[in-house]
C-alpha cells in the first residue's frame, strides 16, 4: 500500500453540525501504517456521541475538519504488515480503540484505557479532500474517531478497533444490522450485564429510551430482572419499551402532579430502584435518579450533554445509604468477547436488536439524524 492513495466518499465535519458544517464529499486516504487496516464500510450506525463531538465549538476535543462515525461494519480491503486480527476479505465489526498496554487494558477493561480520550476522541490525520492539491505532507482531515471514522465508505482503522466477524453472521443484511453493536448497543447491554451485574432480584430503571437505553432494557429482560422500568417523554419509545419487555413505563410529560421519584417508588413497593441507569445526561433526571434509587443501590451514568456538565452529590446521604454512583463507558466490555455474545443471543431470539433499527441510504444522513433527534427512529444505520 506504500504510496497509494485510496479514494472514498465521506461525511466531513468542517465545523459544528448545527451551523450546517457537515457535508458529503469525496476524499482520499493516506497510505496504511503497519498496525492499520483499510476497510470498505457497508454500514454505519449513527450515535449521539457523533453529534455531541461534531457539534462542539470550543475546547480541547474540538477537531475540525474531521470524519465521525464509530459503529461501522464492512470488509477488509488491505492490511498493514503487523495486523493479526483480520486478513484481506474478512468481514469485520468496528468498535472503540485502546492502547493494549495500560493497567486497564491488561485487566481486560479496555474501555477504561488511560489513553481512551486521545485515541477515540482526537484520532489522527487520515484524509484529504479529493479536490485538494496532491501533497506529500500530513493529511488535513482527522480520522480514526473511535479508531475508525466510519462515516465513510472506505476508511483506515486501528487494529484495536476490529472484531473479526467471520462465522458470526448469515448474510450481508445481518452484517449491516450488527454495525451498532460496536458502541450504542454494546454500551446499553454491557452497562446492565457487566457494570450493574443485574439479576432476577433487581428493579432496573432506565432513564432515556434511545438506542442505548432500549439496549439496556433488552439486557434486563434477558437477565430476568424482576422489574424493568423505562422512563422517557416520547410515547412511541415507551410503547416499544413495553413491547420489548418493560414491566412499567413512565412518561415524564404525564406525571399528573406527582414527581418522577414518587412514580418510581410507587411501582417498586415504595423502595425505589436497585439499579438506575441514566442515558440522558440531564442533570435534573440524574439527581432524581439518585433520590429514587434505594439504599445500597447503584446509579450508573452513561449519557452526557456536554463535556463540562456537573452534578451535585449529597455526601452524607451517600455515606449513610450506601448508594453507589458509577460512570460507565462502552458497557465495560471487551468487544472481541462481548459482541459475539450479543450476536449469539440475537440468533437465539433473546436479544431482538432488529426492532431498534431503521436503515437509510448514506446520502440521507441528515434525515437519519433528524429522525433520531425527534424520537421517530431509535437507531439509524447509514448504508453505503
Protein backbone atom coordinates (compact mmCIF):
# COMPACT_ATOMS: atom_id res chain seq x y z
CA UNK A 1 0.00 0.00 0.00
CA UNK A 2 3.02 2.27 0.26
CA UNK A 3 2.45 5.47 -1.67
CA UNK A 4 -1.08 4.57 -2.78
CA UNK A 5 -3.99 6.91 -2.13
CA UNK A 6 -7.33 5.15 -1.73
CA UNK A 7 -10.44 7.15 -2.56
CA UNK A 8 -13.68 7.37 -0.61
CA UNK A 9 -16.89 9.28 -0.09
CA UNK A 10 -17.38 10.60 3.45
CA UNK A 11 -19.41 12.92 5.66
CA UNK A 12 -16.84 15.59 6.51
CA UNK A 13 -17.36 17.78 9.59
CA UNK A 14 -15.84 21.18 8.79
CA UNK A 15 -17.43 22.67 11.90
CA UNK A 16 -20.49 22.33 14.11
CA UNK A 17 -23.44 20.32 12.79
CA UNK A 18 -25.90 22.97 13.97
CA UNK A 19 -24.04 25.52 11.85
CA UNK A 20 -24.52 23.37 8.75
CA UNK A 21 -20.85 22.45 8.51
CA UNK A 22 -21.23 18.73 7.73
CA UNK A 23 -21.02 17.78 4.03
CA UNK A 24 -20.81 14.59 1.96
CA UNK A 25 -17.59 14.91 -0.02
CA UNK A 26 -15.02 12.94 -2.00
CA UNK A 27 -11.81 12.29 -0.05
CA UNK A 28 -8.53 10.46 -0.36
CA UNK A 29 -6.77 8.44 2.33
CA UNK A 30 -3.11 8.39 3.31
CA UNK A 31 -1.19 5.08 2.95
CA UNK A 32 -1.67 2.39 5.59
CA UNK A 33 0.63 2.01 8.57
CA UNK A 34 1.77 -1.37 9.89
CA UNK A 35 -0.96 -1.75 12.54
CA UNK A 36 -3.88 -0.49 10.45
CA UNK A 37 -6.49 -1.92 8.12
CA UNK A 38 -8.23 -0.41 5.11
CA UNK A 39 -11.92 -1.30 5.47
CA UNK A 40 -14.68 -0.84 2.92
CA UNK A 41 -17.63 0.23 5.07
CA UNK A 42 -21.07 -1.14 4.21
CA UNK A 43 -22.98 0.24 7.22
CA UNK A 44 -22.51 2.92 9.89
CA UNK A 45 -24.70 3.34 12.95
CA UNK A 46 -25.47 6.91 13.98
CA UNK A 47 -24.87 7.64 17.67
CA UNK A 48 -25.48 10.71 19.83
CA UNK A 49 -21.73 10.78 20.55
CA UNK A 50 -21.11 11.57 16.86
CA UNK A 51 -23.48 14.52 17.21
CA UNK A 52 -22.00 15.65 20.54
CA UNK A 53 -18.42 15.79 19.27
CA UNK A 54 -19.50 17.07 15.87
CA UNK A 55 -21.33 19.97 17.48
CA UNK A 56 -18.59 21.27 19.79
CA UNK A 57 -17.41 24.80 19.13
CA UNK A 58 -14.63 25.16 21.68
CA UNK A 59 -12.47 23.08 23.98
CA UNK A 60 -9.70 20.51 23.71
CA UNK A 61 -11.88 17.91 21.98
CA UNK A 62 -12.81 20.17 19.06
CA UNK A 63 -11.33 18.58 15.95
CA UNK A 64 -12.23 20.05 12.55
CA UNK A 65 -12.15 19.12 9.78
CA UNK A 66 -12.81 15.54 10.77
CA UNK A 67 -14.88 12.48 9.96
CA UNK A 68 -17.04 10.98 12.70
CA UNK A 69 -18.82 7.63 12.84
CA UNK A 70 -17.94 4.86 15.28
CA UNK A 71 -20.35 1.99 14.67
CA UNK A 72 -19.06 0.52 11.43
CA UNK A 73 -19.23 -2.81 9.64
CA UNK A 74 -17.64 -3.87 6.41
CA UNK A 75 -14.95 -5.88 4.66
CA UNK A 76 -11.18 -5.64 4.88
CA UNK A 77 -9.60 -4.37 1.67
CA UNK A 78 -5.96 -4.30 2.82
CA UNK A 79 -3.91 -4.82 5.99
CA UNK A 80 -0.66 -3.44 7.38
CA UNK A 81 2.27 -5.77 7.92
CA UNK A 82 1.73 -6.06 11.71
CA UNK A 83 -2.03 -6.75 11.60
CA UNK A 84 -3.10 -10.08 13.06
CA UNK A 85 -6.81 -9.60 13.78
CA UNK A 86 -8.03 -10.00 10.20
CA UNK A 87 -7.00 -10.65 6.61
CA UNK A 88 -7.97 -9.15 3.29
CA UNK A 89 -11.58 -10.04 2.50
CA UNK A 90 -12.62 -10.71 6.10
CA UNK A 91 -15.91 -9.22 7.37
CA UNK A 92 -15.40 -7.02 10.41
CA UNK A 93 -17.34 -5.10 13.04
CA UNK A 94 -15.73 -1.95 14.40
CA UNK A 95 -15.69 -0.68 17.98
CA UNK A 96 -13.57 1.66 20.12
CA UNK A 97 -9.78 1.74 20.25
CA UNK A 98 -7.41 1.20 23.18
CA UNK A 99 -3.66 1.15 23.78
CA UNK A 100 -3.47 -2.52 24.76
CA UNK A 101 -0.74 -1.97 27.33
CA UNK A 102 -2.00 0.13 30.27
CA UNK A 103 -3.33 -1.31 33.53
CA UNK A 104 -6.95 -1.18 32.35
CA UNK A 105 -6.21 -2.97 29.09
CA UNK A 106 -4.16 -5.57 31.00
CA UNK A 107 -7.15 -6.08 33.32
CA UNK A 108 -9.45 -6.72 30.31
CA UNK A 109 -11.41 -3.49 30.73
CA UNK A 110 -10.13 -1.62 27.64
CA UNK A 111 -12.96 0.93 27.69
CA UNK A 112 -11.18 2.49 30.69
CA UNK A 113 -7.85 2.65 28.85
CA UNK A 114 -5.71 5.51 30.15
CA UNK A 115 -5.36 6.75 26.55
CA UNK A 116 -9.07 6.38 25.72
CA UNK A 117 -9.76 10.08 25.16
CA UNK A 118 -6.75 10.64 22.96
CA UNK A 119 -7.27 7.52 20.86
CA UNK A 120 -11.04 7.76 20.43
CA UNK A 121 -11.99 11.43 20.55
CA UNK A 122 -8.98 13.05 18.88
CA UNK A 123 -7.86 10.41 16.36
CA UNK A 124 -5.20 11.22 13.79
CA UNK A 125 -4.86 12.80 10.37
CA UNK A 126 -6.09 10.34 7.74
CA UNK A 127 -7.99 12.06 4.93
CA UNK A 128 -7.70 14.88 2.40
CA UNK A 129 -10.40 16.37 0.22
CA UNK A 130 -10.13 14.88 -3.25
CA UNK A 131 -10.31 18.43 -4.61
CA UNK A 132 -7.18 19.44 -2.66
CA UNK A 133 -3.83 19.59 -4.46
CA UNK A 134 -1.75 16.42 -4.03
CA UNK A 135 0.69 16.72 -1.13
CA UNK A 136 3.31 14.53 0.49
CA UNK A 137 2.75 16.23 3.85
CA UNK A 138 0.38 15.38 6.68
CA UNK A 139 -3.27 14.95 5.65
CA UNK A 140 -5.64 17.77 6.53
CA UNK A 141 -8.71 15.85 7.82
CA UNK A 142 -8.76 13.88 11.07
CA UNK A 143 -9.96 10.31 11.07
CA UNK A 144 -9.86 7.31 13.40
CA UNK A 145 -12.65 8.71 15.56
CA UNK A 146 -13.03 5.77 17.96
CA UNK A 147 -10.26 4.20 15.90
CA UNK A 148 -12.41 4.06 12.76
CA UNK A 149 -14.27 7.16 11.43
CA UNK A 150 -16.90 5.01 9.74
CA UNK A 151 -18.91 7.87 8.20
CA UNK A 152 -17.04 6.98 5.01
CA UNK A 153 -17.38 4.16 2.51
CA UNK A 154 -13.68 3.38 2.94
CA UNK A 155 -11.59 4.18 6.00
CA UNK A 156 -8.35 3.40 7.79
CA UNK A 157 -8.96 1.56 11.06
CA UNK A 158 -6.83 0.86 14.10
CA UNK A 159 -6.28 -2.86 14.66
CA UNK A 160 -7.52 -2.45 18.24
CA UNK A 161 -10.96 -1.38 16.96
CA UNK A 162 -11.58 -4.52 14.92
CA UNK A 163 -13.74 -7.53 15.77
CA UNK A 164 -13.39 -10.24 13.13
CA UNK A 165 -16.92 -11.22 12.12
CA UNK A 166 -16.18 -14.45 10.24
CA UNK A 167 -18.82 -17.05 11.11
CA UNK A 168 -20.82 -14.51 13.15
CA UNK A 169 -23.46 -13.55 10.57
CA UNK A 170 -25.67 -15.16 7.94
CA UNK A 171 -25.69 -12.59 5.14
CA UNK A 172 -24.81 -9.00 4.24
CA UNK A 173 -28.07 -7.73 5.73
CA UNK A 174 -27.09 -9.13 9.13
CA UNK A 175 -23.61 -7.59 8.90
CA UNK A 176 -25.34 -4.24 8.30
CA UNK A 177 -27.69 -4.84 11.22
CA UNK A 178 -24.79 -5.61 13.57
CA UNK A 179 -22.92 -2.33 12.90
CA UNK A 180 -24.25 -0.56 16.05
CA UNK A 181 -23.09 -3.39 18.30
CA UNK A 182 -19.71 -1.66 18.45
CA UNK A 183 -20.95 1.23 20.60
CA UNK A 184 -24.58 2.06 21.38
CA UNK A 185 -25.97 -1.44 21.78
CA UNK A 186 -22.82 -2.70 23.50
CA UNK A 187 -22.95 0.28 25.86
CA UNK A 188 -26.56 -0.26 26.90
CA UNK A 189 -26.42 -4.02 27.29
CA UNK A 190 -22.94 -4.05 28.81
CA UNK A 191 -23.84 -1.50 31.46
CA UNK A 192 -26.60 -3.74 32.79
CA UNK A 193 -24.72 -7.02 32.38
CA UNK A 194 -21.10 -6.10 33.15
CA UNK A 195 -21.28 -2.95 35.28
CA UNK A 196 -24.52 -3.35 37.21
CA UNK A 197 -24.29 -7.15 37.16
CA UNK A 198 -28.07 -7.15 37.40
CA UNK A 199 -30.12 -10.27 38.10
CA UNK A 200 -33.61 -11.60 38.85
CA UNK A 201 -33.96 -9.73 42.15
CA UNK A 202 -33.26 -6.31 40.65
CA UNK A 203 -35.60 -3.42 39.92
CA UNK A 204 -33.97 -1.62 36.99
CA UNK A 205 -34.84 1.92 35.92
CA UNK A 206 -33.58 3.18 32.56
CA UNK A 207 -33.72 6.94 32.05
CA UNK A 208 -33.93 7.70 28.34
CA UNK A 209 -35.09 5.12 25.80
CA UNK A 210 -32.92 5.75 22.78
CA UNK A 211 -30.63 3.11 21.33
CA UNK A 212 -28.53 2.81 24.49
CA UNK A 213 -31.49 2.80 26.86
CA UNK A 214 -33.53 0.24 24.94
CA UNK A 215 -30.46 -1.99 24.60
CA UNK A 216 -30.15 -1.82 28.38
CA UNK A 217 -33.81 -2.75 28.67
CA UNK A 218 -33.27 -5.76 26.38
CA UNK A 219 -30.38 -6.86 28.60
CA UNK A 220 -32.50 -6.51 31.76
CA UNK A 221 -35.17 -8.67 30.11
CA UNK A 222 -32.51 -11.21 29.13
CA UNK A 223 -31.39 -11.39 32.76
CA UNK A 224 -34.98 -11.84 34.02
CA UNK A 225 -34.85 -8.73 36.20
CA UNK A 226 -37.86 -8.54 38.47
CA UNK A 227 -38.92 -5.05 37.44
CA UNK A 228 -37.84 -3.15 34.33
CA UNK A 229 -38.96 0.48 34.25
CA UNK A 230 -38.46 2.66 31.21
CA UNK A 231 -38.60 6.46 31.52
CA UNK A 232 -38.94 8.82 28.56
CA UNK A 233 -41.14 11.59 27.18
CA UNK A 234 -41.73 10.11 23.70
CA UNK A 235 -44.82 7.93 23.52
CA UNK A 236 -43.58 5.71 20.68
CA UNK A 237 -40.42 4.87 22.61
CA UNK A 238 -42.45 3.98 25.70
CA UNK A 239 -44.72 1.72 23.62
CA UNK A 240 -41.69 -0.03 22.13
CA UNK A 241 -40.21 -0.45 25.62
CA UNK A 242 -43.36 -2.31 26.70
CA UNK A 243 -43.16 -4.50 23.60
CA UNK A 244 -39.53 -5.32 24.39
CA UNK A 245 -40.18 -6.36 27.98
CA UNK A 246 -40.55 -3.33 30.24
CA UNK A 247 -42.80 -4.16 33.18
CA UNK A 248 -43.60 -0.47 33.66
CA UNK A 249 -43.10 2.74 31.68
CA UNK A 250 -43.26 6.34 32.90
CA UNK A 251 -43.90 9.32 30.63
CA UNK A 252 -42.24 12.35 32.21
CA UNK A 253 -44.76 14.60 30.46
CA UNK A 254 -47.67 12.81 32.14
CA UNK A 255 -46.82 12.69 35.83
CA UNK A 256 -50.23 14.11 36.86
CA UNK A 257 -48.87 16.25 39.67
CA UNK A 258 -46.62 13.54 41.07
CA UNK A 259 -42.84 13.60 40.90
CA UNK A 260 -40.75 11.07 39.00
CA UNK A 261 -39.39 9.94 42.35
CA UNK A 262 -42.93 9.22 43.55
CA UNK A 263 -43.81 7.31 40.38
CA UNK A 264 -40.73 5.07 40.56
CA UNK A 265 -41.30 4.30 44.22
CA UNK A 266 -44.96 3.60 43.50
CA UNK A 267 -44.07 0.73 41.13
CA UNK A 268 -41.22 -0.61 43.29
CA UNK A 269 -43.12 -1.29 46.51
CA UNK A 270 -42.03 2.05 47.94
CA UNK A 271 -38.37 1.07 47.88
CA UNK A 272 -37.07 2.53 44.62
CA UNK A 273 -34.67 1.08 42.04
CA UNK A 274 -31.78 -1.22 42.82
CA UNK A 275 -30.16 -0.19 39.52
CA UNK A 276 -30.68 3.19 37.88
CA UNK A 277 -29.06 3.83 34.51
CA UNK A 278 -29.10 7.40 33.16
CA UNK A 279 -28.55 7.69 29.43
CA UNK A 280 -29.76 11.30 29.19
CA UNK A 281 -27.12 13.37 30.97
CA UNK A 282 -29.91 15.74 32.04
CA UNK A 283 -28.91 16.95 35.49
CA UNK A 284 -32.47 17.13 36.83
CA UNK A 285 -33.07 13.50 35.87
CA UNK A 286 -29.72 12.40 37.27
CA UNK A 287 -30.48 13.98 40.64
CA UNK A 288 -33.95 12.41 40.75
CA UNK A 289 -32.35 9.09 39.89
CA UNK A 290 -30.07 9.43 42.88
CA UNK A 291 -33.13 10.14 45.01
CA UNK A 292 -35.30 7.22 43.87
CA UNK A 293 -32.51 4.62 43.99
CA UNK A 294 -32.92 2.55 47.13
CA UNK A 295 -30.27 2.12 49.82
CA UNK A 296 -27.25 0.14 48.62
CA UNK A 297 -28.40 0.63 45.04
CA UNK A 298 -26.37 1.67 42.00
CA UNK A 299 -26.74 4.79 39.88
CA UNK A 300 -24.81 4.38 36.63
CA UNK A 301 -24.10 7.45 34.48
CA UNK A 302 -23.84 6.65 30.80
CA UNK A 303 -25.08 9.79 29.00
CA UNK A 304 -23.73 13.31 28.81
CA UNK A 305 -24.95 16.53 27.24
CA UNK A 306 -21.59 18.27 27.40
CA UNK A 307 -18.02 17.72 28.44
CA UNK A 308 -18.25 20.24 31.30
CA UNK A 309 -21.52 19.03 32.87
CA UNK A 310 -21.53 18.90 36.66
CA UNK A 311 -23.76 17.23 39.25
CA UNK A 312 -24.04 17.96 42.99
CA UNK A 313 -23.68 14.97 45.29
CA UNK A 314 -25.13 14.83 48.81
CA UNK A 315 -22.12 13.24 50.52
CA UNK A 316 -23.82 12.45 53.82
CA UNK A 317 -26.71 10.73 52.01
CA UNK A 318 -24.29 8.55 50.09
CA UNK A 319 -22.42 7.65 53.23
CA UNK A 320 -25.46 6.57 55.25
CA UNK A 321 -27.40 4.99 52.38
CA UNK A 322 -24.57 3.02 50.81
CA UNK A 323 -25.62 4.15 47.34
CA UNK A 324 -23.02 3.91 44.60
CA UNK A 325 -22.63 6.40 41.76
CA UNK A 326 -20.69 4.87 38.87
CA UNK A 327 -19.55 6.06 35.48
CA UNK A 328 -19.53 3.58 32.62
CA UNK A 329 -18.06 3.66 29.12
CA UNK A 330 -18.87 1.15 26.38
CA UNK A 331 -20.60 -1.08 28.92
CA UNK A 332 -17.29 -2.07 30.49
CA UNK A 333 -16.99 -4.54 27.61
CA UNK A 334 -14.16 -6.22 25.76
CA UNK A 335 -15.66 -6.03 22.23
CA UNK A 336 -13.95 -9.13 20.85
CA UNK A 337 -15.70 -11.19 23.54
CA UNK A 338 -18.93 -9.30 24.20
CA UNK A 339 -20.05 -8.59 20.62
CA UNK A 340 -20.04 -12.29 19.61
CA UNK A 341 -22.08 -13.00 22.75
CA UNK A 342 -24.65 -10.35 21.79
CA UNK A 343 -24.85 -11.87 18.30
CA UNK A 344 -25.42 -15.33 19.76
CA UNK A 345 -28.29 -14.00 21.87
CA UNK A 346 -29.74 -12.30 18.79
CA UNK A 347 -29.65 -15.57 16.83
CA UNK A 348 -31.33 -17.32 19.77
CA UNK A 349 -34.17 -14.79 19.63
CA UNK A 350 -33.34 -13.39 23.07
CA UNK A 351 -31.90 -10.02 22.01
CA UNK A 352 -34.04 -8.58 19.17
CA UNK A 353 -31.99 -5.55 18.16
CA UNK A 354 -33.70 -5.56 14.77
CA UNK A 355 -36.66 -3.86 16.46
CA UNK A 356 -34.48 -0.81 17.22
CA UNK A 357 -33.12 -0.30 13.71
CA UNK A 358 -34.05 1.77 10.67
CA UNK A 359 -31.78 1.96 7.64
CA UNK A 360 -31.07 4.96 5.42
CA UNK A 361 -29.00 5.49 2.33
CA UNK A 362 -25.76 7.20 3.32
CA UNK A 363 -26.70 10.39 1.47
CA UNK A 364 -29.83 10.58 3.66
CA UNK A 365 -27.66 11.17 6.74
CA UNK A 366 -29.40 14.45 7.61
CA UNK A 367 -32.80 12.74 7.62
CA UNK A 368 -31.39 9.95 9.80
CA UNK A 369 -30.07 12.41 12.38
CA UNK A 370 -33.31 14.40 12.42
CA UNK A 371 -35.44 11.30 12.95
CA UNK A 372 -33.17 10.19 15.79
CA UNK A 373 -33.44 13.58 17.49
CA UNK A 374 -37.22 13.63 17.13
CA UNK A 375 -37.58 10.14 18.57
CA UNK A 376 -39.09 8.80 15.34
CA UNK A 377 -36.13 6.45 14.85
CA UNK A 378 -34.27 4.70 17.67
CA UNK A 379 -31.05 3.62 15.94
CA UNK A 380 -30.40 4.84 12.38
CA UNK A 381 -27.95 2.93 10.21
CA UNK A 382 -26.44 4.51 7.11
CA UNK A 383 -25.91 2.08 4.21
CA UNK A 384 -23.00 2.80 1.87
